[in-house]
Amino acid sequence: MNPQDILKSAQSFMECRILLTAAETNLFSLLKENPLTAEDIAAKTGSNLRALTMVLDALTAMELLVKQDGNYRCTESTAQLLSDNSPTSVLPMVLHMASLWHRWSCLTDMVKNIDGAKKEFEFFRKPEEMRAFIGAMHVVSGPLARKTAAIAKAESSKALLDIGGGSGSYTIAFLKAVPEMKATIFDLPDVIEMARERLREEGLLDRTALVPGDFHEQELPAGADLALISAIIHSNSPEQNLDLYKKAFRALNPGGRILVRDHVMEPGHVYPRGGAIFAINMLVGTDGGGTYTYEEIENDLTAAGFINVRLIQKGEQMDGLVEGFKP
């Protein structure tokens, strides 16, 4: 690594902050239809003209906007991905990152063990924020869900239990991969209603039972031969994960299989890089979460009663996959 690489890393927050500010100001939604001048945008958003113009120019330099004859407009891809009311928008996730910006700002104080560094934090201040975020997760997770379903080779499974299944992205992928399969999604009540909408749109509602609940507090619905814990364990402490694995074990039929999808770290917790960085997100955002090595996941699954545990997929982007079986 050379000085330029180090400085590039140190400065990488700059473009990130510009994007987050644009999202928080909802500039992309404003500019998706018609080009506007900086003066027009300032009047509509109540922004400081000088500051806004600099941000608009920077967004143009970042190729998120186009500037022509003093007017700014979205690129085609920006309009689709960063404006509200677009079916492929990831704007809610970007806004979620903007909220995490403030949480990450306490990292140094946390490392220095300064009292009060970790403040109370709500991921979603309003129900519509959670709804939008879950919707954006559905947009992003589709390709990975299909890949996971293919790797899992679940053709022999007839009953899927999707634990913390969100809007149903993985249930949809598994049901499409295995036409004879039925599924149960277990998640919080508000999330279950979002899953209901998605499954209805996909024509899969008749093959899915939707069960509201909290896996931290309740037992899981019984009777499945395949249990999926997808992108859940990083939010939990090791003790919480062991408890969840035990609940999944009790819910599965004899001979059933568990699949755990998440960052799966190599010994030392340094690789994959994305998992090491994501662990910091859990440090500042949860009470006990983190990313776990295969050996840690294997030990806990074994302690919960599973056998023949193995890593069936390595991955860089939270796509590691571990399986185990109930005797």
C-alpha atoms as a PDB file:
ATOM      1  CA  MET A   1       0.000   0.000   0.000  1.00  0.00           C
ATOM      2  CA  ASN A   2       1.263   3.482  -0.877  1.00  0.00           C
ATOM      3  CA  PRO A   3       0.412   6.973   0.429  1.00  0.00           C
ATOM      4  CA  GLN A   4      -2.100   7.510  -2.376  1.00  0.00           C
ATOM      5  CA  ASP A   5      -3.996   4.359  -1.389  1.00  0.00           C
ATOM      6  CA  ILE A   6      -4.145   5.439   2.230  1.00  0.00           C
ATOM      7  CA  LEU A   7      -5.350   8.932   1.340  1.00  0.00           C
ATOM      8  CA  LYS A   8      -7.933   7.487  -1.045  1.00  0.00           C
ATOM      9  CA  SER A   9      -9.353   5.432   1.808  1.00  0.00           C
ATOM     10  CA  ALA A  10      -9.284   8.418   4.163  1.00  0.00           C
ATOM     11  CA  GLN A  11     -11.130  10.570   1.621  1.00  0.00           C
ATOM     12  CA  SER A  12     -13.688   7.984   0.524  1.00  0.00           C
ATOM     13  CA  PHE A  13     -16.236   9.397   2.955  1.00  0.00           C
ATOM     14  CA  MET A  14     -16.508  12.538   0.843  1.00  0.00           C
ATOM     15  CA  GLU A  15     -18.403  11.101  -2.131  1.00  0.00           C
ATOM     16  CA  CYS A  16     -20.413   8.970   0.276  1.00  0.00           C
ATOM     17  CA  ARG A  17     -21.509  12.052   2.228  1.00  0.00           C
ATOM     18  CA  ILE A  18     -22.485  13.884  -0.962  1.00  0.00           C
ATOM     19  CA  LEU A  19     -24.682  10.977  -2.033  1.00  0.00           C
ATOM     20  CA  LEU A  20     -26.288  10.707   1.404  1.00  0.00           C
ATOM     21  CA  THR A  21     -27.051  14.442   1.487  1.00  0.00           C
ATOM     22  CA  ALA A  22     -28.609  14.239  -1.978  1.00  0.00           C
ATOM     23  CA  ALA A  23     -30.782  11.347  -0.796  1.00  0.00           C
ATOM     24  CA  GLU A  24     -31.824  13.146   2.379  1.00  0.00           C
ATOM     25  CA  THR A  25     -32.764  16.195   0.291  1.00  0.00           C
ATOM     26  CA  ASN A  26     -34.620  13.886  -2.133  1.00  0.00           C
ATOM     27  CA  LEU A  27     -32.874  15.529  -5.090  1.00  0.00           C
ATOM     28  CA  PHE A  28     -33.123  12.488  -7.341  1.00  0.00           C
ATOM     29  CA  SER A  29     -36.901  12.292  -7.008  1.00  0.00           C
ATOM     30  CA  LEU A  30     -37.145  15.985  -7.781  1.00  0.00           C
ATOM     31  CA  LEU A  31     -34.996  15.698 -10.904  1.00  0.00           C
ATOM     32  CA  LYS A  32     -36.291  12.436 -12.345  1.00  0.00           C
ATOM     33  CA  GLU A  33     -38.957  14.061 -14.544  1.00  0.00           C
ATOM     34  CA  ASN A  34     -37.746  17.487 -15.710  1.00  0.00           C
ATOM     35  CA  PRO A  35     -34.439  19.347 -15.625  1.00  0.00           C
ATOM     36  CA  LEU A  36     -34.254  22.225 -13.145  1.00  0.00           C
ATOM     37  CA  THR A  37     -31.818  25.024 -12.387  1.00  0.00           C
ATOM     38  CA  ALA A  38     -30.103  25.293  -9.032  1.00  0.00           C
ATOM     39  CA  GLU A  39     -32.333  28.262  -8.261  1.00  0.00           C
ATOM     40  CA  ASP A  40     -35.447  26.200  -8.983  1.00  0.00           C
ATOM     41  CA  ILE A  41     -34.234  23.343  -6.795  1.00  0.00           C
ATOM     42  CA  ALA A  42     -33.269  25.705  -3.955  1.00  0.00           C
ATOM     43  CA  ALA A  43     -36.741  27.246  -4.023  1.00  0.00           C
ATOM     44  CA  LYS A  44     -38.452  23.843  -3.966  1.00  0.00           C
ATOM     45  CA  THR A  45     -36.274  22.397  -1.192  1.00  0.00           C
ATOM     46  CA  GLY A  46     -35.569  25.501   0.881  1.00  0.00           C
ATOM     47  CA  SER A  47     -31.840  24.949   0.406  1.00  0.00           C
ATOM     48  CA  ASN A  48     -28.914  27.348   0.579  1.00  0.00           C
ATOM     49  CA  LEU A  49     -28.213  28.168  -3.080  1.00  0.00           C
ATOM     50  CA  ARG A  50     -24.422  28.256  -2.822  1.00  0.00           C
ATOM     51  CA  ALA A  51     -24.188  24.971  -0.916  1.00  0.00           C
ATOM     52  CA  LEU A  52     -26.785  23.300  -3.106  1.00  0.00           C
ATOM     53  CA  THR A  53     -25.046  24.327  -6.336  1.00  0.00           C
ATOM     54  CA  MET A  54     -21.770  22.830  -5.138  1.00  0.00           C
ATOM     55  CA  VAL A  55     -23.517  19.582  -4.244  1.00  0.00           C
ATOM     56  CA  LEU A  56     -25.282  19.459  -7.614  1.00  0.00           C
ATOM     57  CA  ASP A  57     -22.001  20.000  -9.437  1.00  0.00           C
ATOM     58  CA  ALA A  58     -20.316  17.288  -7.384  1.00  0.00           C
ATOM     59  CA  LEU A  59     -23.160  14.874  -8.141  1.00  0.00           C
ATOM     60  CA  THR A  60     -22.685  15.674 -11.818  1.00  0.00           C
ATOM     61  CA  ALA A  61     -18.958  14.950 -11.523  1.00  0.00           C
ATOM     62  CA  MET A  62     -19.903  11.642  -9.871  1.00  0.00           C
ATOM     63  CA  GLU A  63     -22.086  10.890 -12.947  1.00  0.00           C
ATOM     64  CA  LEU A  64     -25.274  10.734 -10.911  1.00  0.00           C
ATOM     65  CA  LEU A  65     -26.669  13.860 -12.563  1.00  0.00           C
ATOM     66  CA  VAL A  66     -26.325  15.511 -15.964  1.00  0.00           C
ATOM     67  CA  LYS A  67     -25.785  19.283 -16.226  1.00  0.00           C
ATOM     68  CA  GLN A  68     -26.676  21.075 -19.433  1.00  0.00           C
ATOM     69  CA  ASP A  69     -27.203  24.799 -20.020  1.00  0.00           C
ATOM     70  CA  GLY A  70     -27.397  25.420 -16.286  1.00  0.00           C
ATOM     71  CA  ASN A  71     -30.044  22.739 -15.747  1.00  0.00           C
ATOM     72  CA  TYR A  72     -29.619  19.526 -13.803  1.00  0.00           C
ATOM     73  CA  ARG A  73     -31.391  16.214 -14.401  1.00  0.00           C
ATOM     74  CA  CYS A  74     -31.039  12.598 -13.348  1.00  0.00           C
ATOM     75  CA  THR A  75     -29.366  10.023 -15.505  1.00  0.00           C
ATOM     76  CA  GLU A  76     -31.704   7.221 -16.528  1.00  0.00           C
ATOM     77  CA  SER A  77     -30.203   4.766 -14.058  1.00  0.00           C
ATOM     78  CA  THR A  78     -30.206   7.302 -11.222  1.00  0.00           C
ATOM     79  CA  ALA A  79     -33.897   8.011 -11.796  1.00  0.00           C
ATOM     80  CA  GLN A  80     -34.655   4.292 -11.542  1.00  0.00           C
ATOM     81  CA  LEU A  81     -32.434   3.508  -8.573  1.00  0.00           C
ATOM     82  CA  LEU A  82     -32.520   6.616  -6.396  1.00  0.00           C
ATOM     83  CA  SER A  83     -35.927   8.224  -6.790  1.00  0.00           C
ATOM     84  CA  ASP A  84     -38.948   7.403  -4.707  1.00  0.00           C
ATOM     85  CA  ASN A  85     -41.919   5.592  -6.227  1.00  0.00           C
ATOM     86  CA  SER A  86     -39.636   3.608  -8.543  1.00  0.00           C
ATOM     87  CA  PRO A  87     -40.152  -0.178  -8.261  1.00  0.00           C
ATOM     88  CA  THR A  88     -36.377  -0.697  -8.472  1.00  0.00           C
ATOM     89  CA  SER A  89     -35.399   2.111  -6.076  1.00  0.00           C
ATOM     90  CA  VAL A  90     -32.749   1.535  -3.429  1.00  0.00           C
ATOM     91  CA  LEU A  91     -33.299   5.027  -1.998  1.00  0.00           C
ATOM     92  CA  PRO A  92     -34.650   3.662   1.320  1.00  0.00           C
ATOM     93  CA  MET A  93     -31.445   1.694   1.803  1.00  0.00           C
ATOM     94  CA  VAL A  94     -29.351   4.773   1.048  1.00  0.00           C
ATOM     95  CA  LEU A  95     -31.405   6.712   3.599  1.00  0.00           C
ATOM     96  CA  HIS A  96     -30.772   3.864   6.037  1.00  0.00           C
ATOM     97  CA  MET A  97     -27.051   4.346   5.445  1.00  0.00           C
ATOM     98  CA  ALA A  98     -27.506   8.050   6.135  1.00  0.00           C
ATOM     99  CA  SER A  99     -28.988   7.207   9.511  1.00  0.00           C
ATOM    100  CA  LEU A 100     -26.062   4.876  10.225  1.00  0.00           C
ATOM    101  CA  TRP A 101     -23.644   7.724   9.447  1.00  0.00           C
ATOM    102  CA  HIS A 102     -24.421   9.233  12.835  1.00  0.00           C
ATOM    103  CA  ARG A 103     -24.052   5.884  14.555  1.00  0.00           C
ATOM    104  CA  TRP A 104     -20.662   5.259  12.981  1.00  0.00           C
ATOM    105  CA  SER A 105     -19.493   8.674  14.181  1.00  0.00           C
ATOM    106  CA  CYS A 106     -19.370   7.291  17.734  1.00  0.00           C
ATOM    107  CA  LEU A 107     -16.883   4.533  16.833  1.00  0.00           C
ATOM    108  CA  THR A 108     -13.771   6.275  18.168  1.00  0.00           C
ATOM    109  CA  ASP A 109     -15.484   7.024  21.473  1.00  0.00           C
ATOM    110  CA  MET A 110     -16.588   3.386  21.689  1.00  0.00           C
ATOM    111  CA  VAL A 111     -13.046   2.153  21.096  1.00  0.00           C
ATOM    112  CA  LYS A 112     -11.774   4.592  23.744  1.00  0.00           C
ATOM    113  CA  ASN A 113     -14.455   3.303  26.105  1.00  0.00           C
ATOM    114  CA  ILE A 114     -15.940   6.738  26.689  1.00  0.00           C
ATOM    115  CA  ASP A 115     -19.126   6.572  28.732  1.00  0.00           C
ATOM    116  CA  GLY A 116     -22.281   7.222  26.750  1.00  0.00           C
ATOM    117  CA  ALA A 117     -20.586   6.729  23.371  1.00  0.00           C
ATOM    118  CA  LYS A 118     -23.233   4.298  22.228  1.00  0.00           C
ATOM    119  CA  LYS A 119     -26.538   6.124  22.244  1.00  0.00           C
ATOM    120  CA  GLU A 120     -30.025   4.735  21.783  1.00  0.00           C
ATOM    121  CA  PHE A 121     -30.708   4.315  18.105  1.00  0.00           C
ATOM    122  CA  GLU A 122     -33.848   3.541  16.149  1.00  0.00           C
ATOM    123  CA  PHE A 123     -33.332   2.124  12.678  1.00  0.00           C
ATOM    124  CA  PHE A 124     -36.835   3.177  11.706  1.00  0.00           C
ATOM    125  CA  ARG A 125     -38.508   6.196  13.258  1.00  0.00           C
ATOM    126  CA  LYS A 126     -41.753   5.659  11.363  1.00  0.00           C
ATOM    127  CA  PRO A 127     -43.571   2.552  10.078  1.00  0.00           C
ATOM    128  CA  GLU A 128     -43.301   3.803   6.496  1.00  0.00           C
ATOM    129  CA  GLU A 129     -39.498   3.921   6.828  1.00  0.00           C
ATOM    130  CA  MET A 130     -39.367   0.225   7.736  1.00  0.00           C
ATOM    131  CA  ARG A 131     -41.766  -0.559   4.923  1.00  0.00           C
ATOM    132  CA  ALA A 132     -39.638   1.288   2.369  1.00  0.00           C
ATOM    133  CA  PHE A 133     -36.436  -0.334   3.631  1.00  0.00           C
ATOM    134  CA  ILE A 134     -37.882  -3.851   3.468  1.00  0.00           C
ATOM    135  CA  GLY A 135     -39.071  -3.077  -0.056  1.00  0.00           C
ATOM    136  CA  ALA A 136     -35.609  -1.951  -1.110  1.00  0.00           C
ATOM    137  CA  MET A 137     -34.091  -5.072   0.438  1.00  0.00           C
ATOM    138  CA  HIS A 138     -36.461  -7.091  -1.716  1.00  0.00           C
ATOM    139  CA  VAL A 139     -35.179  -5.338  -4.861  1.00  0.00           C
ATOM    140  CA  VAL A 140     -31.537  -5.921  -3.953  1.00  0.00           C
ATOM    141  CA  SER A 141     -31.820  -9.483  -2.664  1.00  0.00           C
ATOM    142  CA  GLY A 142     -33.563 -11.068  -5.656  1.00  0.00           C
ATOM    143  CA  PRO A 143     -30.469 -12.233  -7.596  1.00  0.00           C
ATOM    144  CA  LEU A 144     -28.712 -13.491  -4.452  1.00  0.00           C
ATOM    145  CA  ALA A 145     -31.850 -15.312  -3.338  1.00  0.00           C
ATOM    146  CA  ARG A 146     -32.061 -17.146  -6.656  1.00  0.00           C
ATOM    147  CA  LYS A 147     -28.366 -18.037  -6.448  1.00  0.00           C
ATOM    148  CA  THR A 148     -28.789 -19.322  -2.895  1.00  0.00           C
ATOM    149  CA  ALA A 149     -31.776 -21.447  -3.842  1.00  0.00           C
ATOM    150  CA  ALA A 150     -29.798 -23.000  -6.689  1.00  0.00           C
ATOM    151  CA  ILE A 151     -26.765 -23.749  -4.503  1.00  0.00           C
ATOM    152  CA  ALA A 152     -28.936 -25.201  -1.745  1.00  0.00           C
ATOM    153  CA  LYS A 153     -30.246 -27.978  -4.030  1.00  0.00           C
ATOM    154  CA  ALA A 154     -33.472 -28.184  -2.080  1.00  0.00           C
ATOM    155  CA  GLU A 155     -35.368 -30.385  -4.546  1.00  0.00           C
ATOM    156  CA  SER A 156     -36.020 -33.043  -1.905  1.00  0.00           C
ATOM    157  CA  SER A 157     -37.436 -30.535   0.596  1.00  0.00           C
ATOM    158  CA  LYS A 158     -41.196 -30.158   0.817  1.00  0.00           C
ATOM    159  CA  ALA A 159     -41.648 -27.651   3.661  1.00  0.00           C
ATOM    160  CA  LEU A 160     -39.502 -24.527   4.121  1.00  0.00           C
ATOM    161  CA  LEU A 161     -39.388 -22.474   7.319  1.00  0.00           C
ATOM    162  CA  ASP A 162     -38.002 -19.010   6.488  1.00  0.00           C
ATOM    163  CA  ILE A 163     -36.992 -17.549   9.865  1.00  0.00           C
ATOM    164  CA  GLY A 164     -37.018 -13.760   9.837  1.00  0.00           C
ATOM    165  CA  GLY A 165     -37.971 -14.009   6.181  1.00  0.00           C
ATOM    166  CA  GLY A 166     -38.634 -10.303   5.591  1.00  0.00           C
ATOM    167  CA  SER A 167     -40.663  -9.545   2.490  1.00  0.00           C
ATOM    168  CA  GLY A 168     -40.222 -13.107   1.247  1.00  0.00           C
ATOM    169  CA  SER A 169     -37.377 -12.789  -1.264  1.00  0.00           C
ATOM    170  CA  TYR A 170     -35.839 -16.125  -0.292  1.00  0.00           C
ATOM    171  CA  THR A 171     -39.150 -17.898   0.102  1.00  0.00           C
ATOM    172  CA  ILE A 172     -40.078 -16.759  -3.410  1.00  0.00           C
ATOM    173  CA  ALA A 173     -36.761 -17.996  -4.805  1.00  0.00           C
ATOM    174  CA  PHE A 174     -37.066 -21.418  -3.134  1.00  0.00           C
ATOM    175  CA  LEU A 175     -40.706 -21.894  -4.109  1.00  0.00           C
ATOM    176  CA  LYS A 176     -39.900 -21.082  -7.721  1.00  0.00           C
ATOM    177  CA  ALA A 177     -36.910 -23.439  -7.677  1.00  0.00           C
ATOM    178  CA  VAL A 178     -38.926 -26.290  -6.143  1.00  0.00           C
ATOM    179  CA  PRO A 179     -42.532 -26.269  -7.435  1.00  0.00           C
ATOM    180  CA  GLU A 180     -43.654 -28.972  -4.975  1.00  0.00           C
ATOM    181  CA  MET A 181     -42.441 -26.999  -1.931  1.00  0.00           C
ATOM    182  CA  LYS A 182     -44.604 -25.114   0.543  1.00  0.00           C
ATOM    183  CA  ALA A 183     -43.253 -22.501   2.915  1.00  0.00           C
ATOM    184  CA  THR A 184     -43.795 -20.753   6.229  1.00  0.00           C
ATOM    185  CA  ILE A 185     -42.452 -17.255   6.865  1.00  0.00           C
ATOM    186  CA  PHE A 186     -41.966 -16.294  10.507  1.00  0.00           C
ATOM    187  CA  ASP A 187     -41.328 -12.613  11.171  1.00  0.00           C
ATOM    188  CA  LEU A 188     -42.621  -9.557  12.995  1.00  0.00           C
ATOM    189  CA  PRO A 189     -46.277  -8.694  12.353  1.00  0.00           C
ATOM    190  CA  ASP A 190     -45.657  -5.553  10.277  1.00  0.00           C
ATOM    191  CA  VAL A 191     -43.114  -7.384   8.116  1.00  0.00           C
ATOM    192  CA  ILE A 192     -45.470 -10.324   7.601  1.00  0.00           C
ATOM    193  CA  GLU A 193     -47.988  -8.017   5.951  1.00  0.00           C
ATOM    194  CA  MET A 194     -45.315  -6.835   3.507  1.00  0.00           C
ATOM    195  CA  ALA A 195     -44.499 -10.451   2.700  1.00  0.00           C
ATOM    196  CA  ARG A 196     -48.189 -11.075   2.071  1.00  0.00           C
ATOM    197  CA  GLU A 197     -48.221  -8.374  -0.616  1.00  0.00           C
ATOM    198  CA  ARG A 198     -45.069  -9.692  -2.311  1.00  0.00           C
ATOM    199  CA  LEU A 199     -46.253 -13.275  -2.341  1.00  0.00           C
ATOM    200  CA  ARG A 200     -49.634 -12.256  -3.711  1.00  0.00           C
ATOM    201  CA  GLU A 201     -47.897 -10.352  -6.526  1.00  0.00           C
ATOM    202  CA  GLU A 202     -45.804 -13.446  -7.296  1.00  0.00           C
ATOM    203  CA  GLY A 203     -48.811 -15.772  -7.230  1.00  0.00           C
ATOM    204  CA  LEU A 204     -47.309 -17.788  -4.357  1.00  0.00           C
ATOM    205  CA  LEU A 205     -49.537 -16.828  -1.462  1.00  0.00           C
ATOM    206  CA  ASP A 206     -51.449 -20.102  -1.629  1.00  0.00           C
ATOM    207  CA  ARG A 207     -48.224 -22.025  -1.019  1.00  0.00           C
ATOM    208  CA  THR A 208     -47.089 -19.948   1.965  1.00  0.00           C
ATOM    209  CA  ALA A 209     -48.195 -19.745   5.591  1.00  0.00           C
ATOM    210  CA  LEU A 210     -47.481 -16.372   7.183  1.00  0.00           C
ATOM    211  CA  VAL A 211     -46.886 -16.542  10.931  1.00  0.00           C
ATOM    212  CA  PRO A 212     -46.252 -13.358  12.930  1.00  0.00           C
ATOM    213  CA  GLY A 213     -43.906 -13.557  15.880  1.00  0.00           C
ATOM    214  CA  ASP A 214     -40.538 -12.750  17.425  1.00  0.00           C
ATOM    215  CA  PHE A 215     -37.915 -15.490  17.287  1.00  0.00           C
ATOM    216  CA  HIS A 216     -36.155 -13.979  20.304  1.00  0.00           C
ATOM    217  CA  GLU A 217     -39.270 -14.517  22.418  1.00  0.00           C
ATOM    218  CA  GLN A 218     -41.196 -17.414  20.879  1.00  0.00           C
ATOM    219  CA  GLU A 219     -40.769 -20.933  19.599  1.00  0.00           C
ATOM    220  CA  LEU A 220     -40.767 -21.416  15.825  1.00  0.00           C
ATOM    221  CA  PRO A 221     -43.551 -23.099  13.816  1.00  0.00           C
ATOM    222  CA  ALA A 222     -42.934 -26.842  13.664  1.00  0.00           C
ATOM    223  CA  GLY A 223     -43.125 -29.278  10.771  1.00  0.00           C
ATOM    224  CA  ALA A 224     -40.520 -28.072   8.267  1.00  0.00           C
ATOM    225  CA  ASP A 225     -37.842 -30.203   6.666  1.00  0.00           C
ATOM    226  CA  LEU A 226     -35.747 -27.156   5.674  1.00  0.00           C
ATOM    227  CA  ALA A 227     -35.089 -24.164   7.958  1.00  0.00           C
ATOM    228  CA  LEU A 228     -33.486 -21.026   6.516  1.00  0.00           C
ATOM    229  CA  ILE A 229     -31.781 -18.419   8.700  1.00  0.00           C
ATOM    230  CA  SER A 230     -30.828 -15.761   6.182  1.00  0.00           C
ATOM    231  CA  ALA A 231     -28.878 -12.604   7.134  1.00  0.00           C
ATOM    232  CA  ILE A 232     -29.943 -12.929  10.759  1.00  0.00           C
ATOM    233  CA  ILE A 233     -27.015 -14.170  12.814  1.00  0.00           C
ATOM    234  CA  HIS A 234     -24.877 -11.042  12.348  1.00  0.00           C
ATOM    235  CA  SER A 235     -27.442  -9.062  14.378  1.00  0.00           C
ATOM    236  CA  ASN A 236     -27.239 -11.516  17.270  1.00  0.00           C
ATOM    237  CA  SER A 237     -24.785 -12.267  20.026  1.00  0.00           C
ATOM    238  CA  PRO A 238     -23.323 -15.799  20.101  1.00  0.00           C
ATOM    239  CA  GLU A 239     -25.726 -16.661  22.927  1.00  0.00           C
ATOM    240  CA  GLN A 240     -28.708 -15.450  20.903  1.00  0.00           C
ATOM    241  CA  ASN A 241     -27.582 -17.459  17.886  1.00  0.00           C
ATOM    242  CA  LEU A 242     -27.221 -20.648  19.901  1.00  0.00           C
ATOM    243  CA  ASP A 243     -30.738 -20.116  21.254  1.00  0.00           C
ATOM    244  CA  LEU A 244     -32.049 -19.553  17.715  1.00  0.00           C
ATOM    245  CA  TYR A 245     -30.322 -22.695  16.404  1.00  0.00           C
ATOM    246  CA  LYS A 246     -31.895 -24.715  19.225  1.00  0.00           C
ATOM    247  CA  LYS A 247     -35.338 -23.364  18.330  1.00  0.00           C
ATOM    248  CA  ALA A 248     -34.769 -24.252  14.674  1.00  0.00           C
ATOM    249  CA  PHE A 249     -33.648 -27.736  15.719  1.00  0.00           C
ATOM    250  CA  ARG A 250     -36.839 -28.244  17.717  1.00  0.00           C
ATOM    251  CA  ALA A 251     -38.979 -26.955  14.838  1.00  0.00           C
ATOM    252  CA  LEU A 252     -37.479 -29.224  12.188  1.00  0.00           C
ATOM    253  CA  ASN A 253     -38.700 -32.722  11.425  1.00  0.00           C
ATOM    254  CA  PRO A 254     -36.204 -35.547  12.031  1.00  0.00           C
ATOM    255  CA  GLY A 255     -33.802 -35.645   9.103  1.00  0.00           C
ATOM    256  CA  GLY A 256     -34.450 -31.977   8.368  1.00  0.00           C
ATOM    257  CA  ARG A 257     -31.794 -29.534   7.227  1.00  0.00           C
ATOM    258  CA  ILE A 258     -30.816 -26.059   8.398  1.00  0.00           C
ATOM    259  CA  LEU A 259     -29.260 -23.464   6.092  1.00  0.00           C
ATOM    260  CA  VAL A 260     -27.481 -20.401   7.506  1.00  0.00           C
ATOM    261  CA  ARG A 261     -26.702 -17.581   5.067  1.00  0.00           C
ATOM    262  CA  ASP A 262     -24.495 -14.738   6.229  1.00  0.00           C
ATOM    263  CA  HIS A 263     -20.943 -13.455   6.210  1.00  0.00           C
ATOM    264  CA  VAL A 264     -18.859 -16.529   7.005  1.00  0.00           C
ATOM    265  CA  MET A 265     -15.438 -15.408   8.171  1.00  0.00           C
ATOM    266  CA  GLU A 266     -12.159 -17.246   7.902  1.00  0.00           C
ATOM    267  CA  PRO A 267     -10.208 -17.891  11.113  1.00  0.00           C
ATOM    268  CA  GLY A 268      -8.848 -14.614  12.423  1.00  0.00           C
ATOM    269  CA  HIS A 269     -11.955 -12.631  11.411  1.00  0.00           C
ATOM    270  CA  VAL A 270     -10.046 -10.686   8.725  1.00  0.00           C
ATOM    271  CA  TYR A 271     -11.376 -12.268   5.515  1.00  0.00           C
ATOM    272  CA  PRO A 272     -13.574 -11.724   3.661  1.00  0.00           C
ATOM    273  CA  ARG A 273     -12.951  -7.984   3.864  1.00  0.00           C
ATOM    274  CA  GLY A 274     -16.651  -7.114   3.566  1.00  0.00           C
ATOM    275  CA  GLY A 275     -17.428  -9.232   6.604  1.00  0.00           C
ATOM    276  CA  ALA A 276     -14.718  -7.597   8.705  1.00  0.00           C
ATOM    277  CA  ILE A 277     -16.064  -4.145   7.870  1.00  0.00           C
ATOM    278  CA  PHE A 278     -19.673  -5.209   8.370  1.00  0.00           C
ATOM    279  CA  ALA A 279     -18.772  -6.364  11.867  1.00  0.00           C
ATOM    280  CA  ILE A 280     -18.192  -2.706  12.746  1.00  0.00           C
ATOM    281  CA  ASN A 281     -21.695  -1.918  11.544  1.00  0.00           C
ATOM    282  CA  MET A 282     -22.938  -4.461  14.069  1.00  0.00           C
ATOM    283  CA  LEU A 283     -20.653  -3.062  16.766  1.00  0.00           C
ATOM    284  CA  VAL A 284     -22.153   0.407  16.490  1.00  0.00           C
ATOM    285  CA  GLY A 285     -25.692  -0.733  15.687  1.00  0.00           C
ATOM    286  CA  THR A 286     -26.455  -3.730  17.923  1.00  0.00           C
ATOM    287  CA  ASP A 287     -25.840  -4.821  21.486  1.00  0.00           C
ATOM    288  CA  GLY A 288     -23.982  -8.037  20.686  1.00  0.00           C
ATOM    289  CA  GLY A 289     -23.894  -8.636  16.943  1.00  0.00           C
ATOM    290  CA  GLY A 290     -20.892  -9.321  14.732  1.00  0.00           C
ATOM    291  CA  THR A 291     -19.689 -11.604  11.976  1.00  0.00           C
ATOM    292  CA  TYR A 292     -18.752 -15.191  12.673  1.00  0.00           C
ATOM    293  CA  THR A 293     -16.282 -17.756  11.382  1.00  0.00           C
ATOM    294  CA  TYR A 294     -17.344 -21.082   9.980  1.00  0.00           C
ATOM    295  CA  GLU A 295     -15.865 -22.766  13.056  1.00  0.00           C
ATOM    296  CA  GLU A 296     -17.974 -20.591  15.360  1.00  0.00           C
ATOM    297  CA  ILE A 297     -21.128 -21.314  13.385  1.00  0.00           C
ATOM    298  CA  GLU A 298     -20.299 -25.033  13.230  1.00  0.00           C
ATOM    299  CA  ASN A 299     -19.664 -25.233  16.975  1.00  0.00           C
ATOM    300  CA  ASP A 300     -22.975 -23.574  17.804  1.00  0.00           C
ATOM    301  CA  LEU A 301     -24.942 -25.668  15.330  1.00  0.00           C
ATOM    302  CA  THR A 302     -23.356 -28.805  16.778  1.00  0.00           C
ATOM    303  CA  ALA A 303     -24.142 -27.632  20.309  1.00  0.00           C
ATOM    304  CA  ALA A 304     -27.764 -27.179  19.222  1.00  0.00           C
ATOM    305  CA  GLY A 305     -27.883 -30.818  18.086  1.00  0.00           C
ATOM    306  CA  PHE A 306     -27.128 -30.629  14.354  1.00  0.00           C
ATOM    307  CA  ILE A 307     -24.818 -33.109  12.654  1.00  0.00           C
ATOM    308  CA  ASN A 308     -22.853 -33.237   9.396  1.00  0.00           C
ATOM    309  CA  VAL A 309     -22.338 -29.473   9.470  1.00  0.00           C
ATOM    310  CA  ARG A 310     -20.381 -28.115   6.509  1.00  0.00           C
ATOM    311  CA  LEU A 311     -19.691 -24.952   4.542  1.00  0.00           C
ATOM    312  CA  ILE A 312     -21.292 -25.292   1.117  1.00  0.00           C
ATOM    313  CA  GLN A 313     -20.643 -21.777  -0.186  1.00  0.00           C
ATOM    314  CA  LYS A 314     -17.923 -19.227   0.500  1.00  0.00           C
ATOM    315  CA  GLY A 315     -18.726 -15.629  -0.312  1.00  0.00           C
ATOM    316  CA  GLU A 316     -17.653 -12.010  -0.211  1.00  0.00           C
ATOM    317  CA  GLN A 317     -21.063 -10.311   0.053  1.00  0.00           C
ATOM    318  CA  MET A 318     -22.940 -12.032   2.874  1.00  0.00           C
ATOM    319  CA  ASP A 319     -23.443 -15.074   0.673  1.00  0.00           C
ATOM    320  CA  GLY A 320     -21.649 -17.686   2.739  1.00  0.00           C
ATOM    321  CA  LEU A 321     -23.840 -20.740   3.268  1.00  0.00           C
ATOM    322  CA  VAL A 322     -23.578 -23.358   6.026  1.00  0.00           C
ATOM    323  CA  GLU A 323     -25.759 -26.447   6.340  1.00  0.00           C
ATOM    324  CA  GLY A 324     -26.438 -28.969   9.054  1.00  0.00           C
ATOM    325  CA  PHE A 325     -28.901 -31.820   9.650  1.00  0.00           C
ATOM    326  CA  LYS A 326     -31.183 -32.909  12.455  1.00  0.00           C
ATOM    327  CA  PRO A 327     -30.670 -36.623  13.177  1.00  0.00           C
END
